[in-house]
Protein backbone atom coordinates (compact mmCIF):
# COMPACT_ATOMS: atom_id res chain seq x y z
CA MET A 1 20.13 -23.45 -51.46
CA PRO A 2 20.37 -19.89 -52.85
CA HIS A 3 17.21 -17.78 -52.84
CA CYS A 4 15.91 -14.92 -54.98
CA GLY A 5 17.45 -11.56 -54.16
CA GLU A 6 15.17 -8.79 -52.91
CA GLY A 7 13.44 -7.22 -55.88
CA GLY A 8 15.19 -9.70 -58.18
CA ALA A 9 18.25 -7.42 -58.37
CA ALA A 10 20.88 -9.24 -56.34
CA LYS A 11 23.53 -11.45 -57.88
CA ARG A 12 24.25 -14.77 -56.26
CA ARG A 13 26.85 -17.53 -56.24
CA PRO A 14 26.51 -20.67 -58.37
CA VAL A 15 24.75 -23.72 -56.99
CA LEU A 16 27.55 -26.11 -55.96
CA GLY A 17 27.16 -29.85 -56.25
CA LEU A 18 29.37 -32.78 -55.30
CA ALA A 19 29.46 -36.06 -57.22
CA LEU A 20 30.91 -38.66 -54.85
CA GLY A 21 32.05 -41.86 -56.53
CA GLY A 22 32.26 -45.51 -55.60
CA GLY A 23 35.32 -47.34 -54.31
CA ALA A 24 34.34 -49.25 -51.14
CA ALA A 25 36.92 -48.62 -48.36
CA ARG A 26 38.75 -46.15 -50.61
CA GLY A 27 35.65 -43.97 -50.35
CA ILE A 28 36.62 -43.02 -46.79
CA ALA A 29 38.61 -40.34 -48.63
CA HIS A 30 35.28 -38.58 -49.26
CA ILE A 31 35.17 -37.72 -45.56
CA GLY A 32 38.56 -36.04 -45.82
CA VAL A 33 37.40 -34.03 -48.85
CA LEU A 34 34.27 -32.89 -47.01
CA GLN A 35 36.30 -31.92 -43.95
CA VAL A 36 38.45 -29.53 -46.00
CA LEU A 37 35.42 -28.02 -47.76
CA GLU A 38 33.73 -27.50 -44.40
CA GLU A 39 36.85 -25.94 -42.85
CA GLU A 40 37.05 -23.54 -45.80
CA GLN A 41 33.32 -22.77 -45.51
CA ILE A 42 32.64 -23.96 -49.05
CA PRO A 43 28.85 -24.15 -49.35
CA ILE A 44 27.43 -27.46 -50.63
CA ASP A 45 23.94 -27.44 -52.10
CA VAL A 46 23.69 -30.78 -53.90
CA ILE A 47 25.22 -34.24 -53.49
CA ALA A 48 24.84 -37.12 -55.92
CA GLY A 49 26.49 -40.30 -54.71
CA THR A 50 27.29 -43.75 -56.02
CA SER A 51 27.99 -46.67 -53.67
CA VAL A 52 30.19 -45.47 -50.77
CA GLY A 53 29.72 -41.96 -52.17
CA ALA A 54 25.99 -42.33 -51.55
CA LEU A 55 26.67 -43.51 -48.01
CA ILE A 56 28.99 -40.62 -47.12
CA GLY A 57 26.75 -38.12 -48.93
CA ALA A 58 23.66 -39.24 -47.03
CA LEU A 59 25.45 -39.07 -43.67
CA TYR A 60 26.77 -35.58 -44.44
CA GLY A 61 23.33 -34.46 -45.58
CA ALA A 62 21.83 -35.76 -42.34
CA GLY A 63 24.21 -33.54 -40.37
CA VAL A 64 26.59 -36.21 -38.99
CA ASP A 65 29.68 -34.48 -37.57
CA LEU A 66 32.62 -35.10 -39.90
CA LYS A 67 35.25 -35.37 -37.14
CA TRP A 68 33.15 -37.99 -35.38
CA LEU A 69 32.54 -39.77 -38.71
CA ALA A 70 36.30 -39.86 -39.39
CA ARG A 71 36.90 -41.45 -35.97
CA LEU A 72 34.20 -44.01 -36.67
CA ALA A 73 35.77 -44.86 -40.05
CA VAL A 74 39.18 -45.45 -38.47
CA ASN A 75 37.68 -47.99 -36.03
CA LEU A 76 35.24 -49.64 -38.44
CA LYS A 77 35.46 -53.34 -39.35
CA TRP A 78 33.50 -55.28 -41.94
CA ASP A 79 31.78 -57.38 -39.27
CA HIS A 80 30.27 -54.14 -37.96
CA LEU A 81 28.54 -53.75 -41.34
CA VAL A 82 27.66 -57.15 -42.79
CA ASP A 83 26.74 -60.74 -41.99
CA LEU A 84 27.56 -63.78 -44.10
CA THR A 85 24.58 -65.52 -45.61
CA VAL A 86 23.92 -68.72 -47.56
CA PRO A 87 25.04 -67.88 -51.12
CA GLY A 88 22.03 -67.00 -53.21
CA LEU A 89 22.03 -63.54 -54.78
CA GLY A 90 25.04 -62.53 -52.68
CA PHE A 91 27.45 -63.66 -49.96
CA VAL A 92 26.65 -61.00 -47.35
CA ARG A 93 23.60 -59.25 -45.96
CA PRO A 94 23.93 -55.52 -45.18
CA ASP A 95 21.47 -55.58 -42.27
CA LYS A 96 24.03 -54.18 -39.81
CA MET A 97 24.92 -51.42 -42.24
CA ALA A 98 21.25 -50.52 -42.66
CA HIS A 99 20.84 -50.35 -38.87
CA LEU A 100 23.93 -48.14 -38.54
CA ILE A 101 22.70 -45.77 -41.27
CA ARG A 102 19.32 -45.53 -39.53
CA LEU A 103 21.01 -44.60 -36.26
CA LEU A 104 23.44 -42.09 -37.76
CA THR A 105 20.83 -40.32 -39.89
CA ARG A 106 18.31 -40.39 -37.03
CA GLN A 107 15.85 -41.98 -39.47
CA LYS A 108 15.74 -38.86 -41.65
CA GLY A 109 14.29 -38.99 -45.14
CA PHE A 110 15.43 -37.28 -48.34
CA ALA A 111 13.35 -34.19 -47.60
CA ASP A 112 14.98 -33.77 -44.18
CA LEU A 113 18.55 -33.52 -45.47
CA ARG A 114 20.45 -30.23 -45.56
CA VAL A 115 21.35 -30.76 -49.23
CA ARG A 116 19.46 -31.98 -52.26
CA PHE A 117 20.56 -35.61 -52.50
CA ALA A 118 20.41 -38.55 -54.90
CA ALA A 119 21.78 -42.09 -54.72
CA VAL A 120 22.59 -43.90 -57.95
CA ALA A 121 21.87 -47.61 -58.37
CA VAL A 122 21.35 -50.11 -61.21
CA ASP A 123 18.43 -52.43 -61.88
CA ILE A 124 20.30 -55.75 -62.16
CA GLU A 125 17.44 -57.28 -64.14
CA THR A 126 17.25 -54.59 -66.84
CA GLY A 127 20.63 -52.83 -66.66
CA GLU A 128 18.88 -49.49 -66.24
CA GLU A 129 20.40 -46.72 -64.13
CA VAL A 130 18.07 -45.80 -61.27
CA VAL A 131 18.40 -42.42 -59.54
CA LEU A 132 16.82 -42.51 -56.09
CA THR A 133 15.62 -39.18 -54.71
CA ASP A 134 12.71 -40.16 -52.48
CA GLY A 135 11.36 -43.05 -50.45
CA SER A 136 13.52 -44.76 -47.84
CA LEU A 137 16.94 -43.10 -47.51
CA VAL A 138 18.38 -46.28 -45.96
CA ASP A 139 17.13 -48.47 -48.81
CA ALA A 140 18.53 -46.02 -51.37
CA VAL A 141 22.00 -46.04 -49.82
CA ILE A 142 22.07 -49.81 -49.37
CA ALA A 143 20.91 -50.36 -52.96
CA SER A 144 23.53 -47.98 -54.33
CA SER A 145 26.24 -49.76 -52.29
CA SER A 146 25.32 -53.38 -53.08
CA ILE A 147 28.36 -54.62 -54.98
CA PRO A 148 27.09 -57.43 -57.24
CA GLY A 149 28.35 -60.88 -56.34
CA ILE A 150 29.14 -59.80 -52.78
CA PHE A 151 26.08 -58.03 -51.36
CA VAL A 152 22.54 -59.31 -51.64
CA PRO A 153 20.76 -56.87 -54.02
CA ARG A 154 18.19 -54.51 -52.48
CA ARG A 155 14.62 -54.56 -53.74
CA VAL A 156 13.26 -51.01 -53.96
CA GLY A 157 9.95 -50.12 -55.59
CA GLY A 158 9.70 -53.51 -57.29
CA ARG A 159 13.22 -53.28 -58.75
CA LEU A 160 16.20 -55.42 -57.76
CA LEU A 161 19.00 -52.86 -57.33
CA VAL A 162 22.79 -53.07 -57.07
CA ASP A 163 25.82 -50.76 -56.99
CA GLY A 164 25.39 -47.75 -59.27
CA GLY A 165 29.07 -47.80 -60.15
CA LEU A 166 28.30 -50.41 -62.79
CA VAL A 167 27.07 -47.59 -65.03
CA ASN A 168 27.89 -44.27 -63.31
CA ARG A 169 30.90 -44.31 -60.99
CA VAL A 170 31.07 -40.54 -60.44
CA PRO A 171 27.51 -39.22 -61.06
CA VAL A 172 28.28 -35.71 -62.28
CA ASP A 173 25.31 -35.68 -64.65
CA VAL A 174 22.97 -36.57 -61.78
CA ALA A 175 24.30 -33.66 -59.70
CA ARG A 176 23.57 -31.32 -62.61
CA LYS A 177 20.04 -32.67 -62.95
CA LEU A 178 19.53 -31.86 -59.27
CA GLY A 179 20.33 -28.21 -60.03
CA ALA A 180 24.10 -27.98 -59.57
CA GLU A 181 25.73 -25.33 -61.77
CA VAL A 182 29.26 -26.10 -60.63
CA VAL A 183 30.07 -29.76 -59.99
CA VAL A 184 33.05 -31.07 -58.05
CA GLY A 185 33.57 -34.76 -58.76
CA VAL A 186 35.46 -36.99 -56.35
CA ASP A 187 36.81 -40.16 -57.91
CA VAL A 188 38.16 -42.80 -55.53
CA GLY A 189 38.25 -45.68 -58.00
CA THR A 190 41.29 -47.91 -58.30
CA ASP A 191 43.95 -48.06 -60.96
CA PRO A 192 43.65 -51.76 -61.96
CA ARG A 193 47.33 -51.86 -62.89
CA ARG A 194 48.34 -51.18 -59.28
CA VAL A 195 46.30 -53.84 -57.45
CA LYS A 196 47.37 -57.35 -56.39
CA VAL A 197 44.55 -59.90 -56.35
CA ARG A 198 44.79 -62.58 -53.66
CA ASN A 199 41.28 -63.91 -52.94
CA ILE A 200 37.76 -64.19 -54.33
CA LEU A 201 36.63 -60.95 -52.68
CA GLU A 202 39.42 -59.06 -54.40
CA VAL A 203 38.64 -60.79 -57.71
CA ILE A 204 35.10 -59.39 -57.58
CA PHE A 205 36.23 -55.91 -56.50
CA GLN A 206 38.85 -55.87 -59.27
CA ALA A 207 36.43 -57.08 -61.95
CA VAL A 208 33.92 -54.38 -61.02
CA ASP A 209 36.66 -51.73 -60.95
CA ILE A 210 37.96 -52.67 -64.40
CA MET A 211 34.46 -52.35 -65.83
CA GLN A 212 33.82 -49.07 -64.00
CA ASN A 213 37.10 -47.61 -65.25
CA ARG A 214 36.21 -48.42 -68.85
CA ILE A 215 32.78 -46.83 -68.49
CA PHE A 216 34.25 -43.79 -66.70
CA GLU A 217 36.76 -43.27 -69.53
CA TYR A 218 33.98 -43.58 -72.11
CA ARG A 219 31.56 -41.20 -70.40
CA LEU A 220 34.27 -38.83 -69.17
CA SER A 221 33.52 -37.08 -65.93
CA GLY A 222 32.03 -33.78 -67.10
CA ALA A 223 32.99 -32.28 -63.75
CA ASP A 224 34.10 -28.66 -63.49
CA VAL A 225 36.63 -29.79 -60.87
CA LEU A 226 37.72 -33.40 -60.53
CA ILE A 227 39.35 -34.47 -57.26
CA HIS A 228 41.21 -37.78 -57.45
CA PRO A 229 42.83 -38.63 -54.09
CA ASP A 230 46.15 -40.45 -54.46
CA LEU A 231 45.21 -43.75 -52.85
CA GLY A 232 47.85 -45.78 -54.69
CA GLY A 233 47.09 -49.48 -54.66
CA MET A 234 44.87 -49.33 -51.58
CA ASP A 235 42.65 -52.40 -51.57
CA PRO A 236 38.95 -51.41 -51.74
CA SER A 237 38.17 -54.08 -49.14
CA ASN A 238 40.80 -52.88 -46.63
CA LEU A 239 39.23 -50.81 -43.88
CA ASP A 240 42.50 -50.86 -41.93
CA GLU A 241 43.88 -48.07 -44.16
CA ALA A 242 41.12 -45.62 -43.20
CA GLU A 243 43.50 -42.97 -41.81
CA PHE A 244 45.59 -43.09 -44.99
CA SER A 245 42.42 -42.69 -47.07
CA LEU A 246 41.21 -39.75 -44.98
CA GLU A 247 44.51 -37.90 -45.37
CA ALA A 248 44.61 -38.60 -49.12
CA GLY A 249 41.15 -37.04 -49.41
CA ARG A 250 42.19 -33.99 -47.39
CA ALA A 251 45.37 -33.49 -49.43
CA ALA A 252 43.57 -33.75 -52.77
CA ALA A 253 40.84 -31.34 -51.64
CA ARG A 254 43.41 -28.74 -50.57
CA VAL A 255 44.97 -28.85 -54.04
CA ALA A 256 41.55 -28.32 -55.65
CA LEU A 257 40.47 -25.46 -53.35
CA PRO A 258 41.72 -22.52 -55.51
CA GLN A 259 39.88 -23.88 -58.55
CA ILE A 260 36.66 -24.44 -56.58
CA LYS A 261 36.82 -20.92 -55.14
CA ARG A 262 37.29 -19.42 -58.61
CA TYR A 263 34.12 -21.10 -59.80
CA LEU A 264 32.19 -19.89 -56.76
CA GLN A 265 33.25 -16.30 -57.46
CA GLN A 266 31.43 -16.38 -60.79
CA SER A 267 28.16 -14.69 -59.88
CA LYS A 268 24.90 -15.69 -61.53
CA PRO A 269 22.03 -13.43 -62.60
CA PRO A 270 19.10 -13.27 -60.17
CA SER A 271 16.63 -14.58 -62.74
CA GLU A 272 18.19 -18.05 -62.42
CA VAL A 273 17.84 -18.24 -58.63
CA CYS A 274 14.15 -18.97 -58.55
CA SER A 275 14.49 -21.80 -61.07
CA THR A 276 17.20 -23.56 -59.02
CA SER A 277 16.00 -23.06 -55.47
CA GLN A 278 12.85 -25.13 -55.37
CA GLY A 279 12.69 -27.58 -52.42
CA ARG A 280 15.28 -30.19 -51.65
CA GLY A 281 13.39 -33.12 -53.08
CA ALA A 282 13.89 -33.91 -56.77
């Protein structure tokens, strides 16, 4: 994060935040976006993530190498991440995913990440949006990613939490609350008109996407720059199209680069630095 200039006289760049949205397998595009930003040495100070956006954001914040992460995504299968369970509150348990996150983040917590980070979830019992910025990083990511009807909800701090995309698919407002002055949103949601539904899993994904799209249109994104990778009708449950998703993310990020760089060239007065550079926890 930026720091106060010597004697309070130096100008500084804006605090840059990413809002990474939900979209299941389509969210692999987030890795491609991050790769381009890293190659262009675009500094990232804040990440707010929903669902797969929370997963990718947490891994990036923990310092996982993006090239290695891209290779992992290309070879990933659902049975590496979940186990079927007796239907109760969900059809699958994310125990394998939790174990993988623990390994990849080296058991880091929120305070150990290289960016200020938040994961967005929903209390399924009250409908309230829950922004997780402390406690167990693994629990926060799993809760934010627990698609209702498919994943068993995650209990965190006495709340039963599910996918934050139900209320906040691209959490731009959360990134701003974490101190971001310029927010780049990345939306990997589907266009419901371009998806064929063939099984119960796709019915649930499609139903959630339709609801998320309506909410997204109502709230609008509020992002300074909105990146929307062209993923066509890619099925959110199809991990076999990971390479396609990665390239779509890279292509969309390259198009957005000039706009992002223009925002970063807008210097801020030094008096604001101290108020936005407190620790990484929220």
